[in-house]
Protein backbone atom coordinates (compact mmCIF):
# COMPACT_ATOMS: atom_id res chain seq x y z
CA MET A 1 95.44 64.06 50.49
CA VAL A 2 91.85 64.68 51.42
CA THR A 3 90.67 61.53 49.82
CA SER A 4 92.45 59.47 52.55
CA ALA A 5 89.82 60.67 54.97
CA GLU A 6 86.99 58.91 53.10
CA LYS A 7 87.67 55.43 54.52
CA TYR A 8 87.13 56.61 58.04
CA PRO A 9 83.54 56.17 59.39
CA LYS A 10 81.10 58.90 60.45
CA PHE A 11 79.24 58.29 63.65
CA ILE A 12 75.98 60.33 63.49
CA ASN A 13 73.62 60.62 66.41
CA GLU A 14 72.26 63.22 68.91
CA TYR A 15 74.84 62.59 71.41
CA TRP A 16 73.98 65.81 73.40
CA THR A 17 71.50 68.56 73.26
CA SER A 18 71.04 71.81 74.91
CA ARG A 19 68.30 70.19 77.03
CA GLN A 20 70.08 66.91 77.77
CA ARG A 21 72.12 68.33 80.60
CA GLN A 22 71.93 72.06 81.20
CA ALA A 23 75.34 73.45 81.50
CA ASN A 24 76.42 74.91 84.77
CA SER A 25 75.73 78.60 85.26
CA LEU A 26 79.38 79.37 85.44
CA HIS A 27 79.60 78.93 81.66
CA GLU A 28 77.28 81.77 80.96
CA ILE A 29 79.64 84.35 79.70
CA SER A 30 79.68 85.61 76.16
CA TYR A 31 82.48 84.69 73.82
CA ARG A 32 82.73 84.57 70.16
CA GLY A 33 82.67 81.08 68.50
CA CYS A 34 82.59 78.95 71.66
CA PHE A 35 81.03 75.55 71.71
CA LYS A 36 78.43 74.39 74.19
CA ALA A 37 79.64 72.77 77.51
CA GLN A 38 77.88 69.54 76.60
CA LEU A 39 80.46 68.90 73.88
CA PRO A 40 83.58 68.62 76.14
CA ARG A 41 81.52 67.00 78.97
CA PHE A 42 80.57 64.18 76.64
CA PHE A 43 84.14 63.36 75.80
CA ILE A 44 85.51 64.04 79.28
CA GLU A 45 83.11 61.59 80.76
CA LEU A 46 83.52 58.99 77.98
CA LEU A 47 87.31 58.92 77.78
CA THR A 48 88.85 60.12 81.08
CA CYS A 49 88.61 59.43 84.80
CA PRO A 50 88.80 61.88 87.73
CA GLY A 51 92.28 63.10 88.22
CA ASP A 52 93.18 62.77 84.48
CA THR A 53 94.49 65.75 82.62
CA VAL A 54 92.41 67.54 80.05
CA TYR A 55 93.87 70.06 77.63
CA ASP A 56 92.49 72.74 75.28
CA PRO A 57 95.15 74.45 73.09
CA PHE A 58 92.64 76.98 71.82
CA GLY A 59 91.00 77.76 75.22
CA GLY A 60 88.65 80.64 74.31
CA ARG A 61 86.26 81.48 77.12
CA GLY A 62 87.43 78.27 79.01
CA THR A 63 84.57 75.94 78.31
CA THR A 64 86.71 72.80 78.17
CA ALA A 65 88.72 73.87 81.24
CA LEU A 66 85.74 74.84 83.38
CA GLU A 67 83.91 71.62 82.47
CA ALA A 68 87.03 69.50 83.32
CA ALA A 69 87.25 71.14 86.63
CA ILE A 70 83.58 70.60 87.40
CA LEU A 71 84.19 66.89 86.60
CA GLY A 72 87.16 66.67 88.84
CA ARG A 73 89.97 66.58 86.09
CA ASN A 74 93.22 68.45 86.00
CA ILE A 75 93.40 71.39 83.56
CA ILE A 76 95.83 72.72 81.02
CA SER A 77 94.36 75.59 78.90
CA ASN A 78 96.17 77.66 76.31
CA ASP A 79 95.18 80.61 74.07
CA ILE A 80 97.38 83.20 72.53
CA ASN A 81 94.68 85.66 73.34
CA PRO A 82 95.31 86.95 76.96
CA LEU A 83 91.62 87.68 77.39
CA SER A 84 91.14 83.88 77.62
CA LYS A 85 92.81 83.57 81.01
CA ILE A 86 91.15 86.71 82.20
CA LEU A 87 87.79 85.13 81.49
CA SER A 88 88.53 81.58 82.54
CA TYR A 89 90.70 81.33 85.70
CA PRO A 90 88.45 83.51 88.06
CA ARG A 91 85.64 81.07 87.58
CA LEU A 92 87.61 78.45 89.35
CA ARG A 93 87.74 80.56 92.44
CA VAL A 94 84.20 81.68 93.06
CA PRO A 95 84.06 84.49 95.64
CA ASP A 96 81.81 84.66 98.66
CA LYS A 97 79.11 87.07 97.57
CA GLU A 98 79.20 89.21 100.70
CA ALA A 99 82.94 89.62 100.38
CA LEU A 100 82.31 90.53 96.76
CA ARG A 101 79.62 93.11 97.66
CA THR A 102 81.86 94.66 100.25
CA ARG A 103 84.82 94.91 97.79
CA LEU A 104 82.71 96.53 95.14
CA SER A 105 81.38 99.16 97.72
CA GLU A 106 84.95 99.97 98.62
CA ILE A 107 85.93 100.83 95.09
CA LYS A 108 85.96 104.64 94.81
CA MET A 109 84.15 106.14 91.83
CA ASP A 110 85.46 109.43 90.41
CA TYR A 111 82.55 110.90 88.46
CA ASP A 112 84.92 113.33 86.65
CA ALA A 113 86.97 110.54 85.21
CA ARG A 114 86.71 109.96 81.37
CA ALA A 115 88.27 107.48 79.09
CA ASP A 116 91.22 108.31 76.83
CA ARG A 117 89.08 107.86 73.90
CA ASP A 118 85.53 108.76 72.91
CA LEU A 119 83.05 106.17 74.33
CA SER A 120 80.08 108.49 74.42
CA MET A 121 78.20 106.47 71.80
CA PHE A 122 78.31 103.38 74.09
CA PHE A 123 77.98 104.81 77.64
CA HIS A 124 76.20 107.38 79.66
CA PRO A 125 78.87 109.81 81.16
CA LYS A 126 78.18 108.55 84.73
CA THR A 127 78.53 104.94 83.53
CA GLU A 128 81.69 105.85 81.71
CA ALA A 129 83.19 107.45 84.87
CA GLU A 130 82.43 104.32 86.85
CA ILE A 131 83.99 102.03 84.11
CA VAL A 132 87.16 104.23 84.05
CA SER A 133 87.27 104.33 87.88
CA LEU A 134 87.04 100.56 87.98
CA LYS A 135 89.71 100.14 85.21
CA ASN A 136 92.02 102.40 87.07
CA TYR A 137 91.46 100.59 90.38
CA LEU A 138 92.12 97.23 88.87
CA SER A 139 95.20 98.46 86.98
CA GLU A 140 96.72 100.01 90.19
CA ARG A 141 96.02 96.75 92.03
CA LYS A 142 97.75 94.66 89.40
CA LYS A 143 100.75 96.99 89.20
CA ALA A 144 101.17 96.90 92.89
CA GLY A 145 100.98 93.14 93.02
CA LYS A 146 97.70 93.31 95.14
CA GLU A 147 95.22 91.91 92.68
CA ASP A 148 93.50 88.99 94.53
CA ASP A 149 90.71 86.57 93.65
CA LEU A 150 87.97 89.21 94.34
CA ASP A 151 89.66 91.72 91.92
CA SER A 152 90.13 88.95 89.28
CA TRP A 153 86.47 88.06 89.59
CA ILE A 154 85.37 91.68 89.24
CA ARG A 155 87.74 92.08 86.21
CA MET A 156 86.25 88.86 84.58
CA VAL A 157 82.63 90.00 85.07
CA ALA A 158 83.24 93.58 84.09
CA THR A 159 85.10 92.58 80.87
CA ASN A 160 82.09 90.45 80.04
CA ARG A 161 79.54 93.10 80.71
CA LEU A 162 81.03 95.98 78.70
CA THR A 163 78.67 95.94 75.69
CA GLY A 164 75.65 93.94 74.83
CA HIS A 165 71.98 94.00 73.91
CA SER A 166 70.13 94.32 77.24
CA PRO A 167 70.11 96.36 80.40
CA GLY A 168 72.30 93.65 81.90
CA PHE A 169 75.29 95.35 80.15
CA PHE A 170 77.00 98.65 80.73
CA SER A 171 76.33 99.95 77.28
CA VAL A 172 73.34 101.13 75.31
CA TYR A 173 71.92 98.45 72.97
CA THR A 174 74.72 97.25 70.58
CA LEU A 175 75.87 94.10 68.86
CA PRO A 176 75.71 90.77 70.62
CA PRO A 177 77.99 90.66 73.51
CA ASN A 178 80.68 88.37 72.08
CA GLN A 179 82.27 91.33 70.22
CA ALA A 180 82.34 95.18 70.32
CA ALA A 181 81.10 97.39 67.53
CA LEU A 182 83.53 100.01 66.36
CA PRO A 183 82.55 103.52 67.45
CA GLN A 184 81.53 104.70 64.00
CA SER A 185 79.28 101.54 63.75
CA GLN A 186 77.77 102.30 67.05
CA ILE A 187 76.88 105.81 66.08
CA LYS A 188 74.99 104.48 63.22
CA ILE A 189 73.25 101.87 65.39
CA ASN A 190 72.07 104.69 67.77
CA GLU A 191 70.89 106.87 64.91
CA LYS A 192 68.88 103.84 63.35
CA LEU A 193 67.26 103.02 66.67
CA GLY A 194 66.91 106.67 67.91
CA GLN A 195 68.66 105.71 71.15
CA LYS A 196 71.19 107.32 73.41
CA PRO A 197 73.13 105.68 76.31
CA GLU A 198 71.17 105.54 79.64
CA TYR A 199 72.96 105.30 83.05
CA ARG A 200 73.80 101.82 84.04
CA ASP A 201 74.89 100.98 87.66
CA VAL A 202 78.33 99.30 87.01
CA ARG A 203 78.71 97.80 90.52
CA GLY A 204 74.99 96.69 90.57
CA ILE A 205 75.36 94.89 87.12
CA ILE A 206 78.57 93.20 88.27
CA MET A 207 76.87 91.92 91.36
CA LYS A 208 73.71 90.82 89.56
CA LYS A 209 75.69 88.90 87.04
CA SER A 210 77.90 87.26 89.73
CA VAL A 211 74.73 85.99 91.33
CA GLN A 212 73.58 84.50 88.09
CA LEU A 213 76.97 82.93 87.43
CA THR A 214 77.15 81.18 90.71
CA LYS A 215 73.56 79.91 91.22
CA ASP A 216 74.62 76.43 90.29
CA VAL A 217 77.69 76.25 92.61
CA PRO A 218 76.92 74.31 95.88
CA ASP A 219 79.64 73.92 98.41
CA PRO A 220 80.91 70.59 97.12
CA LEU A 221 81.44 71.96 93.57
CA LEU A 222 82.98 75.13 95.10
CA LEU A 223 85.59 72.87 96.77
CA ARG A 224 86.17 70.86 93.67
CA LEU A 225 86.78 74.03 91.68
CA LEU A 226 89.17 75.34 94.35
CA GLU A 227 91.12 72.02 94.18
CA ALA A 228 91.32 72.19 90.40
CA SER A 229 92.55 75.76 90.50
CA ALA A 230 95.52 74.78 92.66
CA ASN A 231 97.05 72.85 89.75
CA ALA A 232 95.41 74.53 86.78
CA ARG A 233 97.74 75.84 84.11
CA PHE A 234 96.55 78.73 81.86
CA LEU A 235 99.09 79.39 79.03
CA THR A 236 99.32 82.26 76.60
CA THR A 237 101.33 81.06 73.72
CA ASP A 238 101.23 79.59 70.14
CA ALA A 239 99.69 76.18 70.31
CA ARG A 240 102.62 74.79 68.31
CA LEU A 241 105.20 76.11 70.68
CA THR A 242 104.42 74.50 74.15
CA HIS A 243 107.61 72.44 74.13
CA ASP A 244 108.96 73.99 77.41
CA LEU A 245 105.48 74.33 79.06
CA ILE A 246 103.78 70.88 78.74
CA GLU A 247 105.61 67.70 79.42
CA ASP A 248 105.83 64.80 77.12
CA GLU A 249 102.92 62.29 77.37
CA SER A 250 101.17 64.18 80.17
CA VAL A 251 97.75 64.78 78.68
CA HIS A 252 94.91 62.14 78.83
CA LEU A 253 92.52 64.05 76.55
CA THR A 254 92.47 67.14 74.34
CA VAL A 255 89.11 68.69 73.55
CA THR A 256 89.31 71.78 71.26
CA SER A 257 87.82 73.81 68.43
CA PRO A 258 90.57 75.70 66.58
CA PRO A 259 90.16 78.95 64.83
CA PHE A 260 88.77 78.39 61.32
CA LEU A 261 89.73 80.30 58.17
CA ASP A 262 90.01 84.13 58.10
CA VAL A 263 86.78 84.93 59.85
CA VAL A 264 87.71 86.90 62.99
CA GLN A 265 89.03 90.36 63.05
CA TYR A 266 90.65 90.33 66.48
CA ALA A 267 91.61 94.00 66.95
CA ASP A 268 88.13 95.17 65.74
CA ASP A 269 86.17 92.59 67.80
CA ASN A 270 88.11 92.99 71.02
CA TRP A 271 89.29 96.54 71.12
CA LEU A 272 87.06 97.56 74.05
CA ARG A 273 87.79 94.56 76.21
CA CYS A 274 91.57 94.98 75.54
CA TRP A 275 91.34 98.67 76.37
CA PHE A 276 89.56 97.82 79.75
CA ASN A 277 92.33 95.42 80.47
CA SER A 278 95.23 97.53 79.33
CA ILE A 279 96.06 95.12 76.55
CA ASP A 280 97.46 96.21 73.16
CA SER A 281 94.85 94.67 70.81
CA SER A 282 96.94 95.40 67.75
CA GLU A 283 99.92 93.61 69.26
CA VAL A 284 97.87 90.53 70.13
CA SER A 285 96.28 90.63 66.68
CA ARG A 286 99.74 90.41 65.06
CA LYS A 287 100.47 87.21 67.08
CA ILE A 288 97.20 85.55 66.04
CA THR A 289 97.45 83.55 62.83
CA ARG A 290 94.84 84.43 60.32
CA VAL A 291 94.71 82.52 57.04
CA LYS A 292 92.74 82.63 53.91
CA THR A 293 93.24 79.18 52.38
CA VAL A 294 92.83 75.64 53.57
CA GLU A 295 96.39 74.95 52.54
CA GLN A 296 97.65 77.74 54.98
CA TRP A 297 95.34 76.54 57.75
CA SER A 298 96.46 72.87 57.33
CA LEU A 299 100.11 73.82 57.52
CA ILE A 300 99.45 75.44 60.83
CA MET A 301 97.36 72.55 62.09
CA ARG A 302 100.23 70.18 61.27
CA GLY A 303 102.37 72.04 63.75
CA VAL A 304 99.61 71.88 66.36
CA PHE A 305 99.10 68.17 65.88
CA GLN A 306 102.76 67.44 66.20
CA GLU A 307 102.74 69.03 69.56
CA LEU A 308 99.50 67.26 70.52
CA TYR A 309 101.04 63.91 69.65
CA ARG A 310 104.07 64.68 71.85
CA ILE A 311 102.05 65.64 74.88
CA THR A 312 99.29 62.94 74.59
CA LYS A 313 99.69 59.80 76.73
CA LYS A 314 99.68 56.41 75.22
CA GLU A 315 95.89 55.43 74.94
CA GLY A 316 95.17 59.15 75.20
CA TRP A 317 92.71 60.97 73.03
CA VAL A 318 92.18 64.13 70.83
CA ALA A 319 88.67 65.37 70.06
CA PHE A 320 89.09 68.00 67.45
CA GLU A 321 85.88 69.94 66.68
CA VAL A 322 85.71 71.62 63.20
CA GLY A 323 83.13 72.76 60.86
CA GLU A 324 82.12 73.43 57.40
CA VAL A 325 83.20 76.74 56.01
CA ARG A 326 82.62 78.74 52.80
CA ASN A 327 78.89 77.90 52.68
CA GLY A 328 79.52 74.18 53.27
CA LYS A 329 82.05 73.87 50.36
CA ILE A 330 84.95 73.15 52.77
CA ARG A 331 84.66 70.27 55.32
CA LEU A 332 87.62 70.74 57.55
CA ASP A 333 87.28 67.39 59.16
CA GLU A 334 88.29 65.80 55.83
CA HIS A 335 91.51 67.89 56.07
CA VAL A 336 92.10 67.22 59.75
CA ILE A 337 92.14 63.48 59.42
CA PRO A 338 95.34 63.13 57.23
CA ILE A 339 96.99 65.83 59.46
CA GLY A 340 96.33 63.74 62.56
CA LEU A 341 97.49 60.56 60.76
CA ALA A 342 100.75 62.15 59.72
CA ALA A 343 101.36 63.24 63.28
CA GLY A 344 101.17 59.59 64.41
CA PHE A 345 97.61 59.31 65.71
CA ASN A 346 95.10 56.64 64.97
CA CYS A 347 91.78 58.01 63.70
CA ILE A 348 88.61 56.55 65.00
CA GLY A 349 86.37 58.64 62.74
CA THR A 350 84.25 61.73 62.72
CA LEU A 351 81.39 62.19 65.29
CA ILE A 352 78.54 64.24 63.93
CA ASN A 353 76.21 65.47 66.63
CA GLU A 354 72.82 66.15 64.97
CA GLN A 355 70.91 68.72 66.92
CA ARG A 356 67.24 69.30 66.18
CA PHE A 357 67.11 73.07 66.15
CA THR A 358 67.65 75.80 63.67
CA LYS A 359 69.32 78.65 65.51
CA THR A 360 71.77 80.32 63.28
CA ALA A 361 75.58 80.27 63.75
CA ASN A 362 76.41 83.11 61.41
CA ILE A 363 79.77 83.71 63.28
CA TRP A 364 81.21 81.21 60.83
CA GLY A 365 78.98 82.19 58.00
CA ILE A 366 77.00 78.94 58.43
CA LYS A 367 73.38 78.07 59.46
CA ASN A 368 72.76 75.02 61.72
CA ASN A 369 70.98 72.19 59.98
CA ASP A 370 70.91 74.25 56.76
CA LYS A 371 74.60 74.30 55.57
CA GLY A 372 75.72 71.35 57.81
CA THR A 373 77.10 73.02 60.90
CA ASN A 374 76.06 72.62 64.58
CA THR A 375 75.76 69.33 63.75
CA ASN A 376 79.19 69.70 65.41
CA ARG A 377 81.77 67.67 63.55
CA ILE A 378 84.44 66.26 65.85
CA VAL A 379 87.30 64.18 64.52
CA LEU A 380 88.40 61.61 67.10
CA PHE A 381 92.04 60.45 67.43
CA THR A 382 93.83 58.15 69.77
CA LYS A 383 97.21 56.60 70.32
CA GLU A 384 95.53 53.23 70.96
CA SER A 385 92.43 52.49 68.87
CA ASN A 386 91.41 49.17 70.55
CA PHE A 387 90.60 51.00 73.79
CA PHE A 388 87.61 52.75 72.07
CA ARG A 389 85.98 49.44 71.15
CA SER A 390 85.54 48.61 74.82
CA ARG A 391 83.32 51.55 75.44
CA THR A 392 79.61 50.96 75.79
CA VAL A 393 78.35 54.07 73.94
CA GLN A 394 76.51 53.50 70.72
CA LEU A 395 77.88 55.63 67.86
CA ASN A 396 75.89 54.29 64.96
CA PRO A 397 78.48 54.63 62.18
CA ILE A 398 77.29 55.25 58.66
CA SER A 399 79.38 55.65 55.45
CA LYS A 400 77.56 58.62 53.98
CA GLU A 401 76.57 62.11 54.99
CA PRO A 402 73.01 62.63 56.50
């Protein structure tokens, strides 16, 4: 099956870099395993027009959705993880800073409040009280049906600031901010570094991060995002089961990066974010498919591609970003190509974006330009291959790996 992928070309170039076009500041929230905004931007600009619909079946932190909105496209984003919508949708409805400052000042802090679990290894008692007070406030607003755009924004920023490795987070120094250490692990970190949690001003950190997020949002873009939010759809379902949620042939372009093999422990990584948002992390974890073999992964992707073919317009596109796993022994693009062909798509080939840096991407057990990843490998499919030949972009196809 994999050998059928060998006849499709590989287009190797430096199509985008981290400096080519700095991503908008609204993207600057931490999320495990997300790709850079330059990747969806490249395909959105190349293959769609303003007003077209862009879809991401594995939405994550919302990089594709936000970039599509910035570029004036319509949005459908899906992720079985409910944190995805919490972190994505509020950034389409950027609040007025003074209104945000006023709302934060109105939230009452109960300094006797404590969490229903031991968080002392992460937070100073006063910080913990502020976090619990904020959590209770947001929960009450949501239950009463009163949660508005300001509340959603505060929830998004607070969720992102819970733990991290600088004073810009609520916690003492811990693991990188795209996941949360388990309590027993944090105790060991504190002992090793000889540290204990210091007080962090929760409202002040939320306000500071909000200013940072919105520094690249002038009024015309603010209006464009608001317009996009009116029709934006954020789904929370299995990417294979969108039959009643997305219409046939309604999507112009899909840009996505699926979960790879068994590399993420959802409940362990997201337990604190889920706690803050009153989400049962174990229940979500049970819904998330985790596989250990390429065969199992491929079976799931077949179902995803069948849905993608159904919802993609004629002359529409799918840009499917995958990587090399298991220390470069498995190249998922070679497995994706026959899956897409079986679903009915035409395959243009694999775009390999070579980036000239060596920052590690150990999230997938891979190092950039060492084991072949962050070269970003994107398999490109279409329902009409001739359309691609009319594009003026130079892709420089070659027949062998670099």
